[in-house]
Amino acid sequence: MEPNCVLFIPVSSPSGIGEYMRSMIIAKALKLRWPDINIHFILNEQVAYFNDCPYTVHACQGSPTKDVVGVNGIIAKVSPDLVVFDASGRAKQFKQAKAVGAKVAFISQHNKKRSRGLKLNRLFNTDIHWVVQPDFCIKSISYWQRAKLAFFNKKAPQNIGPVFEVSSSSYQTQLIEQFDLIKNDYFVFNAGSGGHLVAGELAADIYYQAAQIFYRKTKIKCLVIFGGNYPKELPDDSDITCVKSISNKDFIALNSTAQGCVISAGDTLLQCIALHKPCVAAPVSPDQPARLKLCQHKQLVLAAEATPYSLVKQALRLIEKQQAKTLISNMAQLAPVKALALIVGDIAALFFLGNESDVQKNSTQKSSIQQKTAKKNNVQDNN
């Protein structure tokens, strides 16, 4: 048995884009594994990328987590084999997914969200739980949580680290030529999705200002990626290469071949660490300071404040060969984790391990839901 239909429900808001991008990466990987699979997304109708999604998209009112009735109606209509809640979802939505016979996967990105996924009302309806943090970035689950998992015979959440798509060296070479860059001779500046505000100012504008100052001081080429949620026109700058948004594959490729990166302390920080790329990071959203502090304590990053002066001061330190060498050495000591491959493998195992009675049960549930939906639609048509 294999999944024929997968429904992704990532957190989607006008300020952030990380969960959506992660779900897109997973969707692409599933499509490569099972080319005939049907991919569906539920997205907040207000997000800038709503019409850019290449898969079937269903709109919800505001955050998917808050639109319980709307999301549950879509789950019943689509009747997927697998629902992936990426940092989203209420207990009633998890329950609805199981009611239509779907497997349920939950992705959490920090301790608070992981704890929410371990509450009984979600735990009973969750087949697999991934935590997109490395072990050193998140506390171990508590004794009570372990006891609860053991008592109900549930798997513990897996710390899998950041999810990203790796490209070949030839692809990377093509890409930097396209942007007129030289390998290991440019810096990437990116403040995340483009919608984050720091003290009332767009973080993307702060990072752009830092790139301007850094270029004036060093004459090193700078590529500023503003993010898909950036609400303004890009600046016309002959010195700085300005890009609104690119695919995750291209983003990872450009980071991989840069001399250094000046980034936010979100998922990109963990990606740079996994790539062994020297970086400066500053927090631009409430969940980032704790992550940055942990990575700084391990001497994996140069921490900065989200101001042009602080970012430039730390970026100049990255030019020092010894400083960059120390960061890379510390990163290299961490065990490499291929999060995307783990996710695809876990999903395959979910369906491979399903026995015939499970298949029959799921088919019966789906048939029942479809009959009820058809009957409801007939009543509405007659009215």
Protein backbone atom coordinates (compact mmCIF):
# COMPACT_ATOMS: atom_id res chain seq x y z
CA MET A 1 0.00 0.00 0.00
CA GLU A 2 1.18 3.53 -0.75
CA PRO A 3 -0.34 6.99 -0.20
CA ASN A 4 -2.49 8.14 -3.11
CA CYS A 5 -3.46 11.51 -1.63
CA VAL A 6 -1.58 13.69 0.88
CA LEU A 7 -2.95 16.85 2.47
CA PHE A 8 -0.48 19.39 3.89
CA ILE A 9 -1.69 21.88 6.49
CA PRO A 10 1.23 24.19 7.32
CA VAL A 11 1.01 27.28 9.49
CA SER A 12 0.46 30.07 6.96
CA SER A 13 0.40 33.75 7.84
CA PRO A 14 1.34 37.05 6.14
CA SER A 15 4.47 37.31 8.33
CA GLY A 16 6.05 33.83 8.10
CA ILE A 17 6.71 31.35 5.32
CA GLY A 18 8.98 28.70 6.88
CA GLU A 19 6.37 26.03 7.50
CA TYR A 20 4.93 26.41 4.02
CA MET A 21 8.40 26.10 2.45
CA ARG A 22 9.14 23.00 4.51
CA SER A 23 5.86 21.38 3.46
CA MET A 24 6.66 22.22 -0.15
CA ILE A 25 10.04 20.50 0.14
CA ILE A 26 8.42 17.37 1.59
CA ALA A 27 5.68 17.42 -1.06
CA LYS A 28 8.28 17.55 -3.83
CA ALA A 29 10.17 14.63 -2.29
CA LEU A 30 6.97 12.57 -2.03
CA LYS A 31 6.20 13.34 -5.68
CA LEU A 32 9.63 12.00 -6.64
CA ARG A 33 9.04 8.82 -4.60
CA TRP A 34 5.44 8.31 -5.81
CA PRO A 35 4.94 10.23 -9.12
CA ASP A 36 1.18 9.58 -9.26
CA ILE A 37 0.48 10.90 -5.77
CA ASN A 38 -2.10 13.71 -5.40
CA ILE A 39 -0.88 16.63 -3.28
CA HIS A 40 -3.26 19.10 -1.62
CA PHE A 41 -2.56 22.15 0.57
CA ILE A 42 -4.76 24.14 2.93
CA LEU A 43 -3.51 27.74 3.07
CA ASN A 44 -4.58 30.99 4.65
CA GLU A 45 -6.23 32.93 1.82
CA GLN A 46 -4.38 36.09 2.89
CA VAL A 47 -0.83 34.88 2.23
CA ALA A 48 1.15 36.37 -0.65
CA TYR A 49 2.15 32.95 -2.00
CA PHE A 50 -1.41 31.54 -2.13
CA ASN A 51 -1.56 31.55 -5.96
CA ASP A 52 2.05 30.37 -6.38
CA CYS A 53 1.57 26.90 -4.89
CA PRO A 54 1.91 24.30 -7.71
CA TYR A 55 -0.43 21.83 -6.01
CA THR A 56 -4.19 21.79 -5.39
CA VAL A 57 -4.89 24.56 -2.87
CA HIS A 58 -7.88 24.94 -0.56
CA ALA A 59 -8.47 28.29 1.13
CA CYS A 60 -9.20 28.77 4.81
CA GLN A 61 -10.19 31.85 6.78
CA GLY A 62 -7.06 33.08 8.55
CA SER A 63 -4.83 30.56 10.27
CA PRO A 64 -5.70 26.90 9.50
CA THR A 65 -5.41 26.13 13.21
CA LYS A 66 -8.16 28.61 14.08
CA ASP A 67 -10.47 27.74 11.18
CA VAL A 68 -11.55 24.40 12.66
CA VAL A 69 -14.86 24.09 10.80
CA GLY A 70 -13.41 25.09 7.42
CA VAL A 71 -10.39 22.80 7.68
CA ASN A 72 -12.46 19.84 8.88
CA GLY A 73 -14.81 20.31 5.94
CA ILE A 74 -11.86 20.21 3.53
CA ILE A 75 -10.43 17.10 5.19
CA ALA A 76 -13.79 15.35 4.80
CA LYS A 77 -14.07 16.43 1.15
CA VAL A 78 -10.50 15.50 0.12
CA SER A 79 -10.46 12.28 2.20
CA PRO A 80 -6.63 11.98 2.12
CA ASP A 81 -4.52 8.96 2.98
CA LEU A 82 -2.09 11.15 4.95
CA VAL A 83 -2.46 14.55 6.63
CA VAL A 84 0.70 16.47 7.54
CA PHE A 85 0.13 19.17 10.16
CA ASP A 86 3.20 21.41 10.01
CA ALA A 87 3.23 23.29 13.34
CA SER A 88 -0.55 23.62 12.95
CA GLY A 89 -3.77 21.93 13.94
CA ARG A 90 -6.28 21.63 16.74
CA ALA A 91 -7.19 18.35 18.42
CA LYS A 92 -10.54 18.31 16.56
CA GLN A 93 -8.70 18.54 13.23
CA PHE A 94 -6.42 15.63 14.14
CA LYS A 95 -9.51 13.64 15.12
CA GLN A 96 -11.23 14.49 11.83
CA ALA A 97 -8.22 13.27 9.85
CA LYS A 98 -8.34 9.92 11.63
CA ALA A 99 -12.12 9.77 11.13
CA VAL A 100 -11.66 9.71 7.33
CA GLY A 101 -9.10 6.94 7.65
CA ALA A 102 -5.96 9.06 7.19
CA LYS A 103 -2.56 8.62 8.76
CA VAL A 104 -1.56 11.72 10.73
CA ALA A 105 1.91 13.27 10.89
CA PHE A 106 2.75 16.26 13.08
CA ILE A 107 5.78 18.55 12.73
CA SER A 108 6.84 20.69 15.67
CA GLN A 109 9.71 23.17 15.77
CA HIS A 110 10.25 24.02 19.45
CA ASN A 111 9.57 22.74 22.95
CA LYS A 112 6.18 24.42 23.41
CA LYS A 113 4.81 23.12 20.12
CA ARG A 114 6.23 19.64 20.80
CA SER A 115 4.50 19.58 24.20
CA ARG A 116 1.22 20.50 22.52
CA GLY A 117 1.62 17.52 20.21
CA LEU A 118 2.14 15.25 23.22
CA LYS A 119 -1.16 16.14 24.86
CA LEU A 120 -3.51 13.18 24.98
CA ASN A 121 -6.15 14.73 22.69
CA ARG A 122 -3.53 14.92 19.89
CA LEU A 123 -1.34 11.98 20.87
CA PHE A 124 -4.17 9.45 20.38
CA ASN A 125 -4.66 10.68 16.81
CA THR A 126 -1.01 11.03 15.75
CA ASP A 127 0.92 8.31 13.93
CA ILE A 128 4.27 10.07 13.75
CA HIS A 129 5.78 13.23 15.23
CA TRP A 130 8.89 14.90 13.83
CA VAL A 131 10.74 17.73 15.60
CA VAL A 132 12.69 19.86 13.13
CA GLN A 133 15.45 20.65 15.61
CA PRO A 134 18.74 18.88 16.27
CA ASP A 135 19.20 17.29 19.69
CA PHE A 136 21.35 20.15 21.00
CA CYS A 137 18.65 22.74 20.23
CA ILE A 138 15.77 21.30 22.24
CA LYS A 139 15.28 19.92 25.75
CA SER A 140 14.75 16.22 26.26
CA ILE A 141 11.12 15.23 26.78
CA SER A 142 10.10 15.06 30.43
CA TYR A 143 9.79 11.95 32.59
CA TRP A 144 5.98 12.36 32.57
CA GLN A 145 5.90 12.61 28.79
CA ARG A 146 8.04 9.48 28.44
CA ALA A 147 5.79 7.60 30.87
CA LYS A 148 2.72 8.71 28.93
CA LEU A 149 4.21 7.55 25.63
CA ALA A 150 5.14 4.18 27.12
CA PHE A 151 1.72 3.67 28.75
CA PHE A 152 -0.16 4.34 25.52
CA ASN A 153 2.42 2.51 23.36
CA LYS A 154 3.20 5.59 21.27
CA LYS A 155 6.47 6.46 19.54
CA ALA A 156 8.50 9.34 20.98
CA PRO A 157 8.93 12.44 18.78
CA GLN A 158 12.02 12.24 16.55
CA ASN A 159 14.51 15.11 16.51
CA ILE A 160 15.38 15.21 12.81
CA GLY A 161 16.97 18.66 12.37
CA PRO A 162 16.30 21.11 9.53
CA VAL A 163 14.53 20.02 6.35
CA PHE A 164 16.08 21.16 3.07
CA GLU A 165 16.90 20.02 -0.45
CA VAL A 166 20.56 19.53 -1.40
CA SER A 167 21.70 20.26 -4.97
CA SER A 168 24.65 18.94 -6.97
CA SER A 169 27.88 20.90 -7.39
CA SER A 170 27.17 21.35 -11.10
CA TYR A 171 23.76 22.87 -10.28
CA GLN A 172 25.40 25.21 -7.77
CA THR A 173 27.94 26.32 -10.36
CA GLN A 174 25.20 27.10 -12.88
CA LEU A 175 23.27 29.08 -10.29
CA ILE A 176 26.11 31.33 -9.13
CA GLU A 177 26.98 32.04 -12.76
CA GLN A 178 23.37 33.08 -13.29
CA PHE A 179 23.72 35.63 -10.46
CA ASP A 180 27.19 36.68 -11.62
CA LEU A 181 28.81 35.46 -8.40
CA ILE A 182 32.09 33.69 -7.63
CA LYS A 183 32.19 30.67 -5.33
CA ASN A 184 33.30 31.52 -1.78
CA ASP A 185 33.60 35.20 -2.69
CA TYR A 186 30.20 36.65 -1.77
CA PHE A 187 27.89 37.00 1.24
CA VAL A 188 24.19 36.13 1.49
CA PHE A 189 21.96 38.41 3.58
CA ASN A 190 18.46 37.16 4.45
CA ALA A 191 16.08 38.02 7.31
CA GLY A 192 13.64 35.20 6.66
CA SER A 193 10.26 35.46 4.98
CA GLY A 194 10.32 39.22 4.44
CA GLY A 195 7.33 39.97 6.64
CA HIS A 196 8.97 40.13 10.09
CA LEU A 197 9.09 43.47 11.93
CA VAL A 198 11.80 44.50 14.40
CA ALA A 199 10.96 47.61 16.44
CA GLY A 200 8.46 48.63 13.76
CA GLU A 201 10.90 48.24 10.86
CA LEU A 202 10.95 45.42 8.34
CA ALA A 203 13.79 43.04 9.21
CA ALA A 204 14.50 42.66 5.48
CA ASP A 205 15.22 46.42 5.25
CA ILE A 206 17.59 46.20 8.25
CA TYR A 207 19.53 43.37 6.61
CA TYR A 208 19.66 45.28 3.32
CA GLN A 209 21.13 48.30 5.12
CA ALA A 210 23.70 45.98 6.72
CA ALA A 211 24.63 44.59 3.28
CA GLN A 212 25.16 48.12 1.95
CA ILE A 213 27.51 49.02 4.82
CA PHE A 214 29.32 45.68 4.59
CA TYR A 215 29.91 46.12 0.86
CA ARG A 216 31.25 49.66 1.33
CA LYS A 217 33.71 48.41 3.93
CA THR A 218 34.88 45.24 2.16
CA LYS A 219 33.91 45.44 -1.54
CA ILE A 220 32.76 41.81 -1.20
CA LYS A 221 29.70 41.09 -3.35
CA CYS A 222 26.44 40.80 -1.43
CA LEU A 223 23.24 39.00 -2.38
CA VAL A 224 20.18 40.14 -0.41
CA ILE A 225 17.16 37.83 -0.50
CA PHE A 226 14.20 39.85 0.77
CA GLY A 227 11.66 37.01 1.08
CA GLY A 228 8.32 36.16 -0.50
CA ASN A 229 6.34 38.18 2.08
CA TYR A 230 8.32 41.40 1.53
CA PRO A 231 5.58 43.98 0.86
CA LYS A 232 7.53 46.68 -1.01
CA GLU A 233 9.28 47.13 -4.34
CA LEU A 234 12.88 45.92 -4.34
CA PRO A 235 15.52 48.67 -4.25
CA ASP A 236 17.38 49.49 -7.48
CA ASP A 237 20.99 49.05 -6.40
CA SER A 238 24.01 48.72 -8.70
CA ASP A 239 26.23 47.45 -5.87
CA ILE A 240 23.95 44.91 -4.17
CA THR A 241 22.19 42.00 -5.90
CA CYS A 242 18.58 42.13 -4.68
CA VAL A 243 16.20 39.19 -5.07
CA LYS A 244 12.67 38.92 -3.68
CA SER A 245 12.33 35.16 -3.36
CA ILE A 246 13.80 31.94 -4.71
CA SER A 247 13.12 28.23 -4.28
CA ASN A 248 14.50 26.46 -1.23
CA LYS A 249 16.77 24.42 -3.49
CA ASP A 250 18.33 27.60 -4.92
CA PHE A 251 18.48 29.23 -1.48
CA ILE A 252 20.42 26.27 -0.06
CA ALA A 253 22.68 26.18 -3.14
CA LEU A 254 23.54 29.89 -2.82
CA ASN A 255 24.22 29.54 0.90
CA SER A 256 26.41 26.49 0.24
CA THR A 257 28.72 28.37 -2.14
CA ALA A 258 28.87 31.68 -0.23
CA GLN A 259 31.82 32.82 1.85
CA GLY A 260 29.44 33.55 4.70
CA CYS A 261 25.79 34.20 5.52
CA VAL A 262 24.05 36.91 7.55
CA ILE A 263 20.68 35.45 8.45
CA SER A 264 17.82 35.31 10.94
CA ALA A 265 17.85 32.77 13.78
CA GLY A 266 15.06 30.70 12.25
CA ASP A 267 15.29 27.51 10.20
CA THR A 268 18.00 29.08 8.04
CA LEU A 269 20.39 29.11 11.00
CA LEU A 270 20.05 25.34 11.43
CA GLN A 271 20.41 24.85 7.68
CA CYS A 272 23.68 26.82 7.63
CA ILE A 273 25.00 24.79 10.55
CA ALA A 274 24.10 21.54 8.76
CA LEU A 275 25.89 22.87 5.64
CA HIS A 276 28.94 23.84 7.73
CA LYS A 277 28.62 27.42 6.50
CA PRO A 278 30.01 30.25 8.71
CA CYS A 279 27.19 32.59 9.62
CA VAL A 280 25.99 35.56 11.63
CA ALA A 281 22.44 35.39 12.98
CA ALA A 282 20.04 37.71 14.77
CA PRO A 283 16.55 36.99 16.13
CA VAL A 284 13.64 38.54 14.22
CA SER A 285 10.71 36.68 15.82
CA PRO A 286 9.81 35.60 19.40
CA ASP A 287 10.80 31.92 19.04
CA GLN A 288 14.32 32.65 17.77
CA PRO A 289 16.34 34.07 20.73
CA ALA A 290 16.39 30.73 22.62
CA ARG A 291 17.58 28.83 19.53
CA LEU A 292 20.26 31.41 18.83
CA LYS A 293 21.50 31.29 22.43
CA LEU A 294 21.89 27.50 22.29
CA CYS A 295 23.79 27.65 18.98
CA GLN A 296 25.99 30.47 20.27
CA HIS A 297 26.79 28.45 23.40
CA LYS A 298 28.01 25.62 21.15
CA GLN A 299 30.12 28.17 19.21
CA LEU A 300 28.31 27.37 15.97
CA VAL A 301 27.34 30.94 15.04
CA LEU A 302 28.26 34.57 15.66
CA ALA A 303 25.24 36.08 17.39
CA ALA A 304 24.15 39.64 16.64
CA GLU A 305 21.29 42.02 17.32
CA ALA A 306 18.91 42.86 14.48
CA THR A 307 20.53 46.22 13.76
CA PRO A 308 22.74 47.17 10.78
CA TYR A 309 25.66 48.04 13.08
CA SER A 310 25.60 44.75 15.01
CA LEU A 311 25.14 42.60 11.89
CA VAL A 312 28.04 44.29 10.08
CA LYS A 313 30.32 44.13 13.12
CA GLN A 314 29.87 40.35 13.33
CA ALA A 315 29.97 39.82 9.55
CA LEU A 316 33.40 41.46 9.44
CA ARG A 317 34.60 38.83 11.91
CA LEU A 318 33.58 36.08 9.46
CA ILE A 319 36.20 37.35 7.02
CA GLU A 320 38.89 36.38 9.54
CA LYS A 321 40.11 32.93 8.46
CA GLN A 322 40.67 31.66 11.98
CA GLN A 323 37.19 32.67 13.12
CA ALA A 324 35.55 30.96 10.13
CA LYS A 325 37.74 27.89 10.62
CA THR A 326 36.69 27.60 14.28
CA LEU A 327 32.98 27.77 13.42
CA ILE A 328 33.33 25.18 10.65
CA SER A 329 35.29 22.86 12.93
CA ASN A 330 32.58 23.01 15.61
CA MET A 331 29.86 22.36 13.03
CA ALA A 332 31.74 19.38 11.61
CA GLN A 333 31.65 17.65 15.01
CA LEU A 334 27.86 17.39 14.90
CA ALA A 335 26.34 14.17 13.60
CA PRO A 336 24.89 14.74 10.10
CA VAL A 337 21.15 14.10 9.82
CA LYS A 338 19.32 13.77 6.50
CA ALA A 339 15.92 14.97 7.65
CA LEU A 340 14.16 14.83 4.28
CA ALA A 341 15.20 11.24 3.61
CA LEU A 342 14.06 10.28 7.12
CA ILE A 343 10.63 11.83 6.56
CA VAL A 344 10.06 10.08 3.23
CA GLY A 345 11.25 6.79 4.72
CA ASP A 346 8.95 7.15 7.73
CA ILE A 347 5.95 7.88 5.51
CA ALA A 348 6.71 4.84 3.35
CA ALA A 349 6.93 2.72 6.52
CA LEU A 350 3.57 4.03 7.76
CA PHE A 351 1.86 2.56 4.71
CA PHE A 352 4.07 -0.49 4.23
CA LEU A 353 3.37 -1.62 7.79
CA GLY A 354 -0.38 -1.23 7.43
CA ASN A 355 -2.00 -4.70 7.44
CA GLU A 356 -4.98 -5.78 5.38
CA SER A 357 -7.47 -5.08 8.16
CA ASP A 358 -6.19 -1.49 8.36
CA VAL A 359 -6.60 -1.11 4.61
CA GLN A 360 -10.15 -2.51 4.77
CA LYS A 361 -11.01 -0.26 7.73
CA ASN A 362 -9.67 2.83 5.97
CA SER A 363 -11.58 1.99 2.78
CA THR A 364 -14.83 1.54 4.73
CA GLN A 365 -14.32 4.84 6.55
CA LYS A 366 -13.58 6.69 3.31
CA SER A 367 -16.63 5.18 1.61
CA SER A 368 -18.85 6.23 4.51
CA ILE A 369 -17.54 9.79 4.46
CA GLN A 370 -17.94 10.04 0.68
CA GLN A 371 -21.53 8.78 0.88
CA LYS A 372 -22.41 11.30 3.58
CA THR A 373 -20.79 14.13 1.61
CA ALA A 374 -22.64 13.14 -1.59
CA LYS A 375 -25.96 12.94 0.30
CA LYS A 376 -25.35 16.38 1.82
CA ASN A 377 -24.53 17.86 -1.60
CA ASN A 378 -27.72 16.34 -3.09
CA VAL A 379 -29.84 17.91 -0.33
CA GLN A 380 -28.20 21.31 -0.97
CA ASP A 381 -28.77 20.99 -4.73
CA ASN A 382 -32.46 20.12 -4.19
CA ASN A 383 -32.89 23.10 -1.89
